[in-house]
Amino acid sequence: MGRLSVDLCGIRLDNPVIPASGCFGYGKEFAALYDIDILGTFSFKGTTLRPRFGNPTPRIAETPAGMLNAVGLQNPGVERVIAEELPAMRAFFHKPVMANVSGFSVEEYVETCRLLDREAQVGWLEVNISCPNVHGGGMSFGTDPAAAAEVTKAVKAVTQKPVIVKLSPNVTDITQIARACEAAGADGVSLINTLLGMRIDLKTKKPLLANVTGGLSGPAVFPVALRMVWQVCRAVQIPVVGMGGIATAEDVLEMMAAGATAVEVGAANLTDPFACKKIIEALPAAMDRYGIKTLSELKKG
């Protein structure tokens, strides 16, 4: 393995940098700017069983050192992703891709994962359990250990690919959720998803977002994400993908020093479409400055 290489659930990555779901689409727009084969992989736009238009607008709001989004999982549905997006992706991305999956019931998660499991391009299934559990009164699967375990176990029963469960930070103890997913068979966990927040327009005295609240991302959340990654890495034995406010090579090294096997870069892609490319290119020099020979050694440390 090379200096930047890591192993994520049995699949080798040339480097640990992964654009996060929702911030990279299906890669096409970024591939027009640079060769995205430089990436370790990327997590494509969150996919549900049926098409979703998403939440009403406005659904994006800026904040100091970050942003709020309430996009609402807008996507064409899994059948169109398989029929159109994955074939188009073959022209510009030549590595296994991470499929991000969302659902509103266990049955939806299972069917979406079952369909994506058949696709050779898909290396990992990243199962986002921050969605409302419609059969449980609207509570997020990711806020209850038993519900998180139920989704994990059900998805693992219909897939052969590694399952990485994406965890919500909007909980009292994220390690409880991580342990429940591990016990149910998860091959890895990724964290953190966005923190719940809001803004108010002082001219109208009403919330800026039509949805009232949205998910906070960007550099503002990095210390919180780092703390949670540190805690989860010491609570489970499975790989952890760290994310939340990563914008520099030094941020990557911090996340990996906390125990992460790989990292995802989200909002930084929206402020600078070359963010991931720059981070990857800056990693060797950053490693040299801190006496780090290989990223795999840093992970073990």
C-alpha atoms as a PDB file:
ATOM      1  CA  MET A   1       0.000   0.000   0.000  1.00  0.00           C
ATOM      2  CA  GLY A   2       1.151   3.535  -0.764  1.00  0.00           C
ATOM      3  CA  ARG A   3       1.832   6.305   1.686  1.00  0.00           C
ATOM      4  CA  LEU A   4      -1.723   7.646   1.498  1.00  0.00           C
ATOM      5  CA  SER A   5      -3.479   4.307   1.046  1.00  0.00           C
ATOM      6  CA  VAL A   6      -6.020   2.977   3.522  1.00  0.00           C
ATOM      7  CA  ASP A   7      -8.252  -0.081   3.699  1.00  0.00           C
ATOM      8  CA  LEU A   8     -11.951   0.604   4.198  1.00  0.00           C
ATOM      9  CA  CYS A   9     -13.951  -2.537   5.016  1.00  0.00           C
ATOM     10  CA  GLY A  10     -11.683  -4.687   2.848  1.00  0.00           C
ATOM     11  CA  ILE A  11     -11.510  -2.318  -0.136  1.00  0.00           C
ATOM     12  CA  ARG A  12      -8.299  -0.403  -0.790  1.00  0.00           C
ATOM     13  CA  LEU A  13      -8.454   3.353  -1.246  1.00  0.00           C
ATOM     14  CA  ASP A  14      -5.578   5.262  -2.867  1.00  0.00           C
ATOM     15  CA  ASN A  15      -6.171   7.910  -0.210  1.00  0.00           C
ATOM     16  CA  PRO A  16      -8.753   8.463   2.556  1.00  0.00           C
ATOM     17  CA  VAL A  17     -10.494  11.491   1.018  1.00  0.00           C
ATOM     18  CA  ILE A  18     -14.162  10.916   0.109  1.00  0.00           C
ATOM     19  CA  PRO A  19     -16.565  13.678  -0.957  1.00  0.00           C
ATOM     20  CA  ALA A  20     -19.641  13.356   1.224  1.00  0.00           C
ATOM     21  CA  SER A  21     -23.123  12.542  -0.005  1.00  0.00           C
ATOM     22  CA  GLY A  22     -25.210  15.556  -0.904  1.00  0.00           C
ATOM     23  CA  CYS A  23     -22.175  17.719  -1.677  1.00  0.00           C
ATOM     24  CA  PHE A  24     -20.888  15.996  -4.808  1.00  0.00           C
ATOM     25  CA  GLY A  25     -24.016  14.890  -6.671  1.00  0.00           C
ATOM     26  CA  TYR A  26     -23.107  11.992  -8.930  1.00  0.00           C
ATOM     27  CA  GLY A  27     -19.678  13.454  -9.680  1.00  0.00           C
ATOM     28  CA  LYS A  28     -20.432  14.729 -13.182  1.00  0.00           C
ATOM     29  CA  GLU A  29     -20.059  18.451 -12.490  1.00  0.00           C
ATOM     30  CA  PHE A  30     -16.782  17.938 -10.649  1.00  0.00           C
ATOM     31  CA  ALA A  31     -15.435  15.583 -13.314  1.00  0.00           C
ATOM     32  CA  ALA A  32     -15.750  18.464 -15.769  1.00  0.00           C
ATOM     33  CA  LEU A  33     -13.273  20.427 -13.620  1.00  0.00           C
ATOM     34  CA  TYR A  34     -10.660  17.796 -12.715  1.00  0.00           C
ATOM     35  CA  ASP A  35      -9.943  14.065 -12.914  1.00  0.00           C
ATOM     36  CA  ILE A  36     -11.976  12.773  -9.988  1.00  0.00           C
ATOM     37  CA  ASP A  37     -10.187   9.420 -10.144  1.00  0.00           C
ATOM     38  CA  ILE A  38      -7.759  11.188  -7.807  1.00  0.00           C
ATOM     39  CA  LEU A  39     -10.318  10.643  -5.022  1.00  0.00           C
ATOM     40  CA  GLY A  40     -10.326   7.674  -2.700  1.00  0.00           C
ATOM     41  CA  THR A  41     -13.966   7.301  -3.703  1.00  0.00           C
ATOM     42  CA  PHE A  42     -17.083   9.444  -3.315  1.00  0.00           C
ATOM     43  CA  SER A  43     -20.467   8.989  -1.691  1.00  0.00           C
ATOM     44  CA  PHE A  44     -23.122   9.840  -4.237  1.00  0.00           C
ATOM     45  CA  LYS A  45     -26.326  11.737  -3.588  1.00  0.00           C
ATOM     46  CA  GLY A  46     -28.632  10.210  -0.987  1.00  0.00           C
ATOM     47  CA  THR A  47     -30.916   7.717  -2.715  1.00  0.00           C
ATOM     48  CA  THR A  48     -34.408   6.653  -1.695  1.00  0.00           C
ATOM     49  CA  LEU A  49     -36.670   3.934  -3.034  1.00  0.00           C
ATOM     50  CA  ARG A  50     -38.944   6.422  -4.801  1.00  0.00           C
ATOM     51  CA  PRO A  51     -38.186   9.826  -6.366  1.00  0.00           C
ATOM     52  CA  ARG A  52     -38.282  12.824  -4.030  1.00  0.00           C
ATOM     53  CA  PHE A  53     -38.650  16.478  -4.932  1.00  0.00           C
ATOM     54  CA  GLY A  54     -37.371  17.529  -1.527  1.00  0.00           C
ATOM     55  CA  ASN A  55     -38.478  20.263   0.836  1.00  0.00           C
ATOM     56  CA  PRO A  56     -39.974  23.615  -0.211  1.00  0.00           C
ATOM     57  CA  THR A  57     -37.654  26.571  -0.728  1.00  0.00           C
ATOM     58  CA  PRO A  58     -35.829  28.404   0.712  1.00  0.00           C
ATOM     59  CA  ARG A  59     -33.878  25.415   1.942  1.00  0.00           C
ATOM     60  CA  ILE A  60     -30.315  26.761   2.212  1.00  0.00           C
ATOM     61  CA  ALA A  61     -29.089  29.427   4.641  1.00  0.00           C
ATOM     62  CA  GLU A  62     -25.574  30.687   5.280  1.00  0.00           C
ATOM     63  CA  THR A  63     -24.127  30.878   8.787  1.00  0.00           C
ATOM     64  CA  PRO A  64     -20.777  32.097  10.112  1.00  0.00           C
ATOM     65  CA  ALA A  65     -18.274  29.310   9.310  1.00  0.00           C
ATOM     66  CA  GLY A  66     -20.920  27.038   7.860  1.00  0.00           C
ATOM     67  CA  MET A  67     -24.320  26.571   6.285  1.00  0.00           C
ATOM     68  CA  LEU A  68     -27.774  25.175   7.014  1.00  0.00           C
ATOM     69  CA  ASN A  69     -29.546  22.908   4.577  1.00  0.00           C
ATOM     70  CA  ALA A  70     -33.021  21.424   4.505  1.00  0.00           C
ATOM     71  CA  VAL A  71     -32.903  20.007   0.978  1.00  0.00           C
ATOM     72  CA  GLY A  72     -34.960  17.001   1.999  1.00  0.00           C
ATOM     73  CA  LEU A  73     -33.272  14.163   0.122  1.00  0.00           C
ATOM     74  CA  GLN A  74     -34.164  15.360  -3.374  1.00  0.00           C
ATOM     75  CA  ASN A  75     -33.229  12.531  -5.744  1.00  0.00           C
ATOM     76  CA  PRO A  76     -34.627  10.643  -8.766  1.00  0.00           C
ATOM     77  CA  GLY A  77     -35.164   7.351  -6.902  1.00  0.00           C
ATOM     78  CA  VAL A  78     -33.083   4.193  -6.945  1.00  0.00           C
ATOM     79  CA  GLU A  79     -34.371   2.804 -10.250  1.00  0.00           C
ATOM     80  CA  ARG A  80     -33.323   5.906 -12.194  1.00  0.00           C
ATOM     81  CA  VAL A  81     -30.004   6.049 -10.356  1.00  0.00           C
ATOM     82  CA  ILE A  82     -29.300   2.487 -11.480  1.00  0.00           C
ATOM     83  CA  ALA A  83     -30.606   2.996 -15.015  1.00  0.00           C
ATOM     84  CA  GLU A  84     -29.093   6.433 -15.708  1.00  0.00           C
ATOM     85  CA  GLU A  85     -26.642   7.800 -13.153  1.00  0.00           C
ATOM     86  CA  LEU A  86     -24.449   4.741 -12.590  1.00  0.00           C
ATOM     87  CA  PRO A  87     -23.950   4.015 -16.334  1.00  0.00           C
ATOM     88  CA  ALA A  88     -23.059   7.684 -16.951  1.00  0.00           C
ATOM     89  CA  MET A  89     -20.607   7.582 -14.053  1.00  0.00           C
ATOM     90  CA  ARG A  90     -18.559   4.827 -15.702  1.00  0.00           C
ATOM     91  CA  ALA A  91     -17.249   7.346 -18.226  1.00  0.00           C
ATOM     92  CA  PHE A  92     -15.476   9.509 -15.634  1.00  0.00           C
ATOM     93  CA  PHE A  93     -15.013   7.492 -12.428  1.00  0.00           C
ATOM     94  CA  HIS A  94     -13.228   4.162 -12.501  1.00  0.00           C
ATOM     95  CA  LYS A  95     -13.200   3.041  -8.878  1.00  0.00           C
ATOM     96  CA  PRO A  96     -15.818   1.530  -6.575  1.00  0.00           C
ATOM     97  CA  VAL A  97     -18.298   4.216  -5.496  1.00  0.00           C
ATOM     98  CA  MET A  98     -20.121   4.587  -2.182  1.00  0.00           C
ATOM     99  CA  ALA A  99     -23.915   4.489  -2.422  1.00  0.00           C
ATOM    100  CA  ASN A 100     -25.676   6.584   0.196  1.00  0.00           C
ATOM    101  CA  VAL A 101     -29.122   5.181   1.050  1.00  0.00           C
ATOM    102  CA  SER A 102     -32.002   6.764   2.933  1.00  0.00           C
ATOM    103  CA  GLY A 103     -35.454   5.485   3.789  1.00  0.00           C
ATOM    104  CA  PHE A 104     -38.591   6.174   5.765  1.00  0.00           C
ATOM    105  CA  SER A 105     -39.224   2.593   6.871  1.00  0.00           C
ATOM    106  CA  VAL A 106     -37.123  -0.521   7.314  1.00  0.00           C
ATOM    107  CA  GLU A 107     -38.745  -1.975   4.203  1.00  0.00           C
ATOM    108  CA  GLU A 108     -37.624   0.999   2.090  1.00  0.00           C
ATOM    109  CA  TYR A 109     -34.037   0.708   3.309  1.00  0.00           C
ATOM    110  CA  VAL A 110     -34.029  -3.006   2.564  1.00  0.00           C
ATOM    111  CA  GLU A 111     -35.406  -2.730  -0.966  1.00  0.00           C
ATOM    112  CA  THR A 112     -33.122   0.167  -1.956  1.00  0.00           C
ATOM    113  CA  CYS A 113     -30.047  -1.616  -0.607  1.00  0.00           C
ATOM    114  CA  ARG A 114     -31.081  -4.889  -2.249  1.00  0.00           C
ATOM    115  CA  LEU A 115     -31.250  -3.193  -5.649  1.00  0.00           C
ATOM    116  CA  LEU A 116     -27.946  -1.318  -5.255  1.00  0.00           C
ATOM    117  CA  ASP A 117     -26.208  -4.447  -3.960  1.00  0.00           C
ATOM    118  CA  ARG A 118     -26.466  -5.916  -7.482  1.00  0.00           C
ATOM    119  CA  GLU A 119     -24.446  -3.076  -9.018  1.00  0.00           C
ATOM    120  CA  ALA A 120     -20.780  -3.863  -9.629  1.00  0.00           C
ATOM    121  CA  GLN A 121     -19.804  -0.177  -9.401  1.00  0.00           C
ATOM    122  CA  VAL A 122     -21.040   0.069  -5.827  1.00  0.00           C
ATOM    123  CA  GLY A 123     -18.315  -0.780  -3.326  1.00  0.00           C
ATOM    124  CA  TRP A 124     -20.042   0.189  -0.074  1.00  0.00           C
ATOM    125  CA  LEU A 125     -23.570   0.950   1.060  1.00  0.00           C
ATOM    126  CA  GLU A 126     -23.629   3.996   3.341  1.00  0.00           C
ATOM    127  CA  VAL A 127     -26.931   3.724   5.184  1.00  0.00           C
ATOM    128  CA  ASN A 128     -28.128   7.081   6.492  1.00  0.00           C
ATOM    129  CA  ILE A 129     -30.244   6.466   9.588  1.00  0.00           C
ATOM    130  CA  SER A 130     -31.044  10.128  10.239  1.00  0.00           C
ATOM    131  CA  CYS A 131     -34.356   9.801   8.384  1.00  0.00           C
ATOM    132  CA  PRO A 132     -37.722   9.768  10.190  1.00  0.00           C
ATOM    133  CA  ASN A 133     -39.095   6.355  11.076  1.00  0.00           C
ATOM    134  CA  VAL A 134     -42.634   6.695   9.731  1.00  0.00           C
ATOM    135  CA  HIS A 135     -43.699   3.489  11.467  1.00  0.00           C
ATOM    136  CA  GLY A 136     -42.414   4.826  14.780  1.00  0.00           C
ATOM    137  CA  GLY A 137     -44.188   8.148  14.853  1.00  0.00           C
ATOM    138  CA  GLY A 138     -41.586  10.162  12.955  1.00  0.00           C
ATOM    139  CA  MET A 139     -38.617   9.558  15.244  1.00  0.00           C
ATOM    140  CA  SER A 140     -35.269   9.254  13.481  1.00  0.00           C
ATOM    141  CA  PHE A 141     -33.888   5.700  13.265  1.00  0.00           C
ATOM    142  CA  GLY A 142     -30.534   7.153  14.298  1.00  0.00           C
ATOM    143  CA  THR A 143     -31.691   8.449  17.675  1.00  0.00           C
ATOM    144  CA  ASP A 144     -32.716   5.068  19.083  1.00  0.00           C
ATOM    145  CA  PRO A 145     -30.257   2.151  19.473  1.00  0.00           C
ATOM    146  CA  ALA A 146     -32.933  -0.492  18.884  1.00  0.00           C
ATOM    147  CA  ALA A 147     -34.197   1.189  15.701  1.00  0.00           C
ATOM    148  CA  ALA A 148     -30.648   1.676  14.418  1.00  0.00           C
ATOM    149  CA  ALA A 149     -29.911  -1.985  15.039  1.00  0.00           C
ATOM    150  CA  GLU A 150     -33.126  -3.042  13.308  1.00  0.00           C
ATOM    151  CA  VAL A 151     -32.241  -1.185  10.113  1.00  0.00           C
ATOM    152  CA  THR A 152     -28.662  -2.465  10.184  1.00  0.00           C
ATOM    153  CA  LYS A 153     -29.659  -6.087  10.662  1.00  0.00           C
ATOM    154  CA  ALA A 154     -32.340  -5.932   7.968  1.00  0.00           C
ATOM    155  CA  VAL A 155     -30.014  -4.377   5.392  1.00  0.00           C
ATOM    156  CA  LYS A 156     -27.201  -6.823   6.163  1.00  0.00           C
ATOM    157  CA  ALA A 157     -29.594  -9.704   5.475  1.00  0.00           C
ATOM    158  CA  VAL A 158     -30.040  -8.651   1.827  1.00  0.00           C
ATOM    159  CA  THR A 159     -26.578  -7.375   0.901  1.00  0.00           C
ATOM    160  CA  GLN A 160     -23.128  -8.789   0.276  1.00  0.00           C
ATOM    161  CA  LYS A 161     -21.357  -5.431   0.173  1.00  0.00           C
ATOM    162  CA  PRO A 162     -19.921  -3.678   3.228  1.00  0.00           C
ATOM    163  CA  VAL A 163     -22.550  -1.661   5.098  1.00  0.00           C
ATOM    164  CA  ILE A 164     -21.424   1.601   6.682  1.00  0.00           C
ATOM    165  CA  VAL A 165     -24.102   3.160   8.888  1.00  0.00           C
ATOM    166  CA  LYS A 166     -24.163   6.974   8.910  1.00  0.00           C
ATOM    167  CA  LEU A 167     -24.891   8.283  12.391  1.00  0.00           C
ATOM    168  CA  SER A 168     -26.719  11.387  13.587  1.00  0.00           C
ATOM    169  CA  PRO A 169     -25.002  13.669  16.124  1.00  0.00           C
ATOM    170  CA  ASN A 170     -28.382  14.814  17.471  1.00  0.00           C
ATOM    171  CA  VAL A 171     -28.328  12.289  20.297  1.00  0.00           C
ATOM    172  CA  THR A 172     -27.264  12.212  23.944  1.00  0.00           C
ATOM    173  CA  ASP A 173     -24.650   9.467  23.494  1.00  0.00           C
ATOM    174  CA  ILE A 174     -23.569   8.603  19.964  1.00  0.00           C
ATOM    175  CA  THR A 175     -21.497   5.656  21.198  1.00  0.00           C
ATOM    176  CA  GLN A 176     -24.678   3.797  22.171  1.00  0.00           C
ATOM    177  CA  ILE A 177     -25.946   4.036  18.597  1.00  0.00           C
ATOM    178  CA  ALA A 178     -22.562   2.995  17.189  1.00  0.00           C
ATOM    179  CA  ARG A 179     -22.366  -0.051  19.451  1.00  0.00           C
ATOM    180  CA  ALA A 180     -25.905  -1.079  18.511  1.00  0.00           C
ATOM    181  CA  CYS A 181     -25.048  -0.920  14.814  1.00  0.00           C
ATOM    182  CA  GLU A 182     -21.852  -2.897  15.350  1.00  0.00           C
ATOM    183  CA  ALA A 183     -23.718  -5.582  17.302  1.00  0.00           C
ATOM    184  CA  ALA A 184     -26.289  -5.807  14.487  1.00  0.00           C
ATOM    185  CA  GLY A 185     -23.585  -6.508  11.909  1.00  0.00           C
ATOM    186  CA  ALA A 186     -22.493  -3.125  10.529  1.00  0.00           C
ATOM    187  CA  ASP A 187     -19.140  -3.275   8.761  1.00  0.00           C
ATOM    188  CA  GLY A 188     -18.413   0.343   9.650  1.00  0.00           C
ATOM    189  CA  VAL A 189     -19.965   3.617  10.765  1.00  0.00           C
ATOM    190  CA  SER A 190     -19.641   7.144   9.392  1.00  0.00           C
ATOM    191  CA  LEU A 191     -20.135  10.313  11.421  1.00  0.00           C
ATOM    192  CA  ILE A 192     -21.221  12.939  11.925  1.00  0.00           C
ATOM    193  CA  ASN A 193     -24.263  13.886   9.926  1.00  0.00           C
ATOM    194  CA  THR A 194     -25.379  17.513  10.284  1.00  0.00           C
ATOM    195  CA  LEU A 195     -26.279  19.188  13.568  1.00  0.00           C
ATOM    196  CA  LEU A 196     -29.803  20.531  13.893  1.00  0.00           C
ATOM    197  CA  GLY A 197     -29.967  24.330  13.693  1.00  0.00           C
ATOM    198  CA  MET A 198     -31.958  27.316  12.443  1.00  0.00           C
ATOM    199  CA  ARG A 199     -31.745  31.021  11.487  1.00  0.00           C
ATOM    200  CA  ILE A 200     -34.357  33.796  11.716  1.00  0.00           C
ATOM    201  CA  ASP A 201     -34.811  36.572   9.162  1.00  0.00           C
ATOM    202  CA  LEU A 202     -35.006  39.740  11.260  1.00  0.00           C
ATOM    203  CA  LYS A 203     -36.878  41.586   8.513  1.00  0.00           C
ATOM    204  CA  THR A 204     -39.772  39.127   8.595  1.00  0.00           C
ATOM    205  CA  LYS A 205     -39.175  37.772  12.135  1.00  0.00           C
ATOM    206  CA  LYS A 206     -39.656  34.288  10.642  1.00  0.00           C
ATOM    207  CA  PRO A 207     -37.299  31.344  10.122  1.00  0.00           C
ATOM    208  CA  LEU A 208     -35.072  31.666   7.039  1.00  0.00           C
ATOM    209  CA  LEU A 209     -35.736  28.058   6.037  1.00  0.00           C
ATOM    210  CA  ALA A 210     -39.190  26.985   4.886  1.00  0.00           C
ATOM    211  CA  ASN A 211     -38.599  23.821   6.897  1.00  0.00           C
ATOM    212  CA  VAL A 212     -37.834  26.010   9.987  1.00  0.00           C
ATOM    213  CA  THR A 213     -34.809  23.904  10.954  1.00  0.00           C
ATOM    214  CA  GLY A 214     -31.971  22.475   8.905  1.00  0.00           C
ATOM    215  CA  GLY A 215     -28.675  20.647   9.178  1.00  0.00           C
ATOM    216  CA  LEU A 216     -25.599  22.675  10.131  1.00  0.00           C
ATOM    217  CA  SER A 217     -22.370  21.769   8.345  1.00  0.00           C
ATOM    218  CA  GLY A 218     -19.038  23.422   7.607  1.00  0.00           C
ATOM    219  CA  PRO A 219     -15.961  24.327   9.708  1.00  0.00           C
ATOM    220  CA  ALA A 220     -18.134  25.346  12.680  1.00  0.00           C
ATOM    221  CA  VAL A 221     -18.965  21.698  13.423  1.00  0.00           C
ATOM    222  CA  PHE A 222     -15.431  20.270  13.129  1.00  0.00           C
ATOM    223  CA  PRO A 223     -14.575  20.227  16.866  1.00  0.00           C
ATOM    224  CA  VAL A 224     -17.880  18.514  17.676  1.00  0.00           C
ATOM    225  CA  ALA A 225     -17.365  15.971  14.902  1.00  0.00           C
ATOM    226  CA  LEU A 226     -13.804  15.289  16.023  1.00  0.00           C
ATOM    227  CA  ARG A 227     -14.943  14.684  19.598  1.00  0.00           C
ATOM    228  CA  MET A 228     -17.639  12.250  18.498  1.00  0.00           C
ATOM    229  CA  VAL A 229     -15.278  10.382  16.158  1.00  0.00           C
ATOM    230  CA  TRP A 230     -12.772  10.049  19.016  1.00  0.00           C
ATOM    231  CA  GLN A 231     -15.472   8.625  21.292  1.00  0.00           C
ATOM    232  CA  VAL A 232     -16.896   6.200  18.724  1.00  0.00           C
ATOM    233  CA  CYS A 233     -13.461   4.935  17.679  1.00  0.00           C
ATOM    234  CA  ARG A 234     -12.902   3.905  21.291  1.00  0.00           C
ATOM    235  CA  ALA A 235     -16.341   2.323  21.617  1.00  0.00           C
ATOM    236  CA  VAL A 236     -16.349   0.007  18.558  1.00  0.00           C
ATOM    237  CA  GLN A 237     -13.950  -2.284  16.714  1.00  0.00           C
ATOM    238  CA  ILE A 238     -15.267  -1.608  13.194  1.00  0.00           C
ATOM    239  CA  PRO A 239     -13.871   1.118  10.887  1.00  0.00           C
ATOM    240  CA  VAL A 240     -15.041   4.697  11.393  1.00  0.00           C
ATOM    241  CA  VAL A 241     -15.340   7.260   8.583  1.00  0.00           C
ATOM    242  CA  GLY A 242     -14.995  10.735  10.072  1.00  0.00           C
ATOM    243  CA  MET A 243     -16.706  13.813   8.677  1.00  0.00           C
ATOM    244  CA  GLY A 244     -17.947  17.219   9.711  1.00  0.00           C
ATOM    245  CA  GLY A 245     -16.278  20.473   8.754  1.00  0.00           C
ATOM    246  CA  ILE A 246     -13.162  18.988   7.138  1.00  0.00           C
ATOM    247  CA  ALA A 247     -11.559  21.573   4.828  1.00  0.00           C
ATOM    248  CA  THR A 248      -7.783  21.064   4.973  1.00  0.00           C
ATOM    249  CA  ALA A 249      -5.142  18.343   4.954  1.00  0.00           C
ATOM    250  CA  GLU A 250      -4.518  19.088   8.636  1.00  0.00           C
ATOM    251  CA  ASP A 251      -8.208  18.421   9.365  1.00  0.00           C
ATOM    252  CA  VAL A 252      -7.830  15.023   7.709  1.00  0.00           C
ATOM    253  CA  LEU A 253      -4.809  14.218   9.876  1.00  0.00           C
ATOM    254  CA  GLU A 254      -6.677  15.258  13.018  1.00  0.00           C
ATOM    255  CA  MET A 255      -9.616  13.011  12.148  1.00  0.00           C
ATOM    256  CA  MET A 256      -7.305  10.085  11.500  1.00  0.00           C
ATOM    257  CA  ALA A 257      -5.352  10.766  14.689  1.00  0.00           C
ATOM    258  CA  ALA A 258      -8.721  10.513  16.467  1.00  0.00           C
ATOM    259  CA  GLY A 259      -9.057   7.017  14.989  1.00  0.00           C
ATOM    260  CA  ALA A 260     -10.882   7.447  11.672  1.00  0.00           C
ATOM    261  CA  THR A 261      -9.959   5.065   8.868  1.00  0.00           C
ATOM    262  CA  ALA A 262     -11.083   7.508   6.164  1.00  0.00           C
ATOM    263  CA  VAL A 263     -12.786  10.903   5.986  1.00  0.00           C
ATOM    264  CA  GLU A 264     -15.602  12.557   4.083  1.00  0.00           C
ATOM    265  CA  VAL A 265     -15.495  16.164   2.911  1.00  0.00           C
ATOM    266  CA  GLY A 266     -18.856  17.879   2.594  1.00  0.00           C
ATOM    267  CA  ALA A 267     -19.562  21.617   2.626  1.00  0.00           C
ATOM    268  CA  ALA A 268     -16.008  22.492   1.521  1.00  0.00           C
ATOM    269  CA  ASN A 269     -16.925  21.183  -1.950  1.00  0.00           C
ATOM    270  CA  LEU A 270     -19.663  23.794  -2.193  1.00  0.00           C
ATOM    271  CA  THR A 271     -17.367  26.720  -1.409  1.00  0.00           C
ATOM    272  CA  ASP A 272     -14.465  25.403  -3.516  1.00  0.00           C
ATOM    273  CA  PRO A 273     -15.143  22.669  -6.101  1.00  0.00           C
ATOM    274  CA  PHE A 274     -11.428  21.804  -6.043  1.00  0.00           C
ATOM    275  CA  ALA A 275     -11.386  21.303  -2.263  1.00  0.00           C
ATOM    276  CA  CYS A 276     -10.855  17.527  -2.283  1.00  0.00           C
ATOM    277  CA  LYS A 277      -8.177  17.717  -4.979  1.00  0.00           C
ATOM    278  CA  LYS A 278      -6.306  20.365  -2.990  1.00  0.00           C
ATOM    279  CA  ILE A 279      -6.569  18.355   0.231  1.00  0.00           C
ATOM    280  CA  ILE A 280      -5.198  15.202  -1.409  1.00  0.00           C
ATOM    281  CA  GLU A 281      -2.328  17.096  -3.024  1.00  0.00           C
ATOM    282  CA  ALA A 282      -1.494  18.821   0.277  1.00  0.00           C
ATOM    283  CA  LEU A 283      -1.487  15.644   2.390  1.00  0.00           C
ATOM    284  CA  PRO A 284       2.126  14.494   1.784  1.00  0.00           C
ATOM    285  CA  ALA A 285       3.612  17.850   2.804  1.00  0.00           C
ATOM    286  CA  ALA A 286       1.326  18.052   5.841  1.00  0.00           C
ATOM    287  CA  MET A 287       2.397  14.544   6.851  1.00  0.00           C
ATOM    288  CA  ASP A 288       6.045  15.542   6.512  1.00  0.00           C
ATOM    289  CA  ARG A 289       5.527  18.544   8.804  1.00  0.00           C
ATOM    290  CA  TYR A 290       4.229  16.280  11.560  1.00  0.00           C
ATOM    291  CA  GLY A 291       6.576  13.325  11.043  1.00  0.00           C
ATOM    292  CA  ILE A 292       3.879  11.005   9.702  1.00  0.00           C
ATOM    293  CA  LYS A 293       5.272   8.380   7.328  1.00  0.00           C
ATOM    294  CA  THR A 294       2.039   6.676   6.287  1.00  0.00           C
ATOM    295  CA  LEU A 295      -1.619   7.288   7.043  1.00  0.00           C
ATOM    296  CA  SER A 296      -2.082   3.654   8.013  1.00  0.00           C
ATOM    297  CA  GLU A 297       0.498   4.129  10.782  1.00  0.00           C
ATOM    298  CA  LEU A 298      -1.318   7.245  11.993  1.00  0.00           C
ATOM    299  CA  LYS A 299      -4.549   5.254  12.224  1.00  0.00           C
ATOM    300  CA  LYS A 300      -2.820   2.577  14.320  1.00  0.00           C
ATOM    301  CA  GLY A 301      -1.404   5.255  16.621  1.00  0.00           C
END
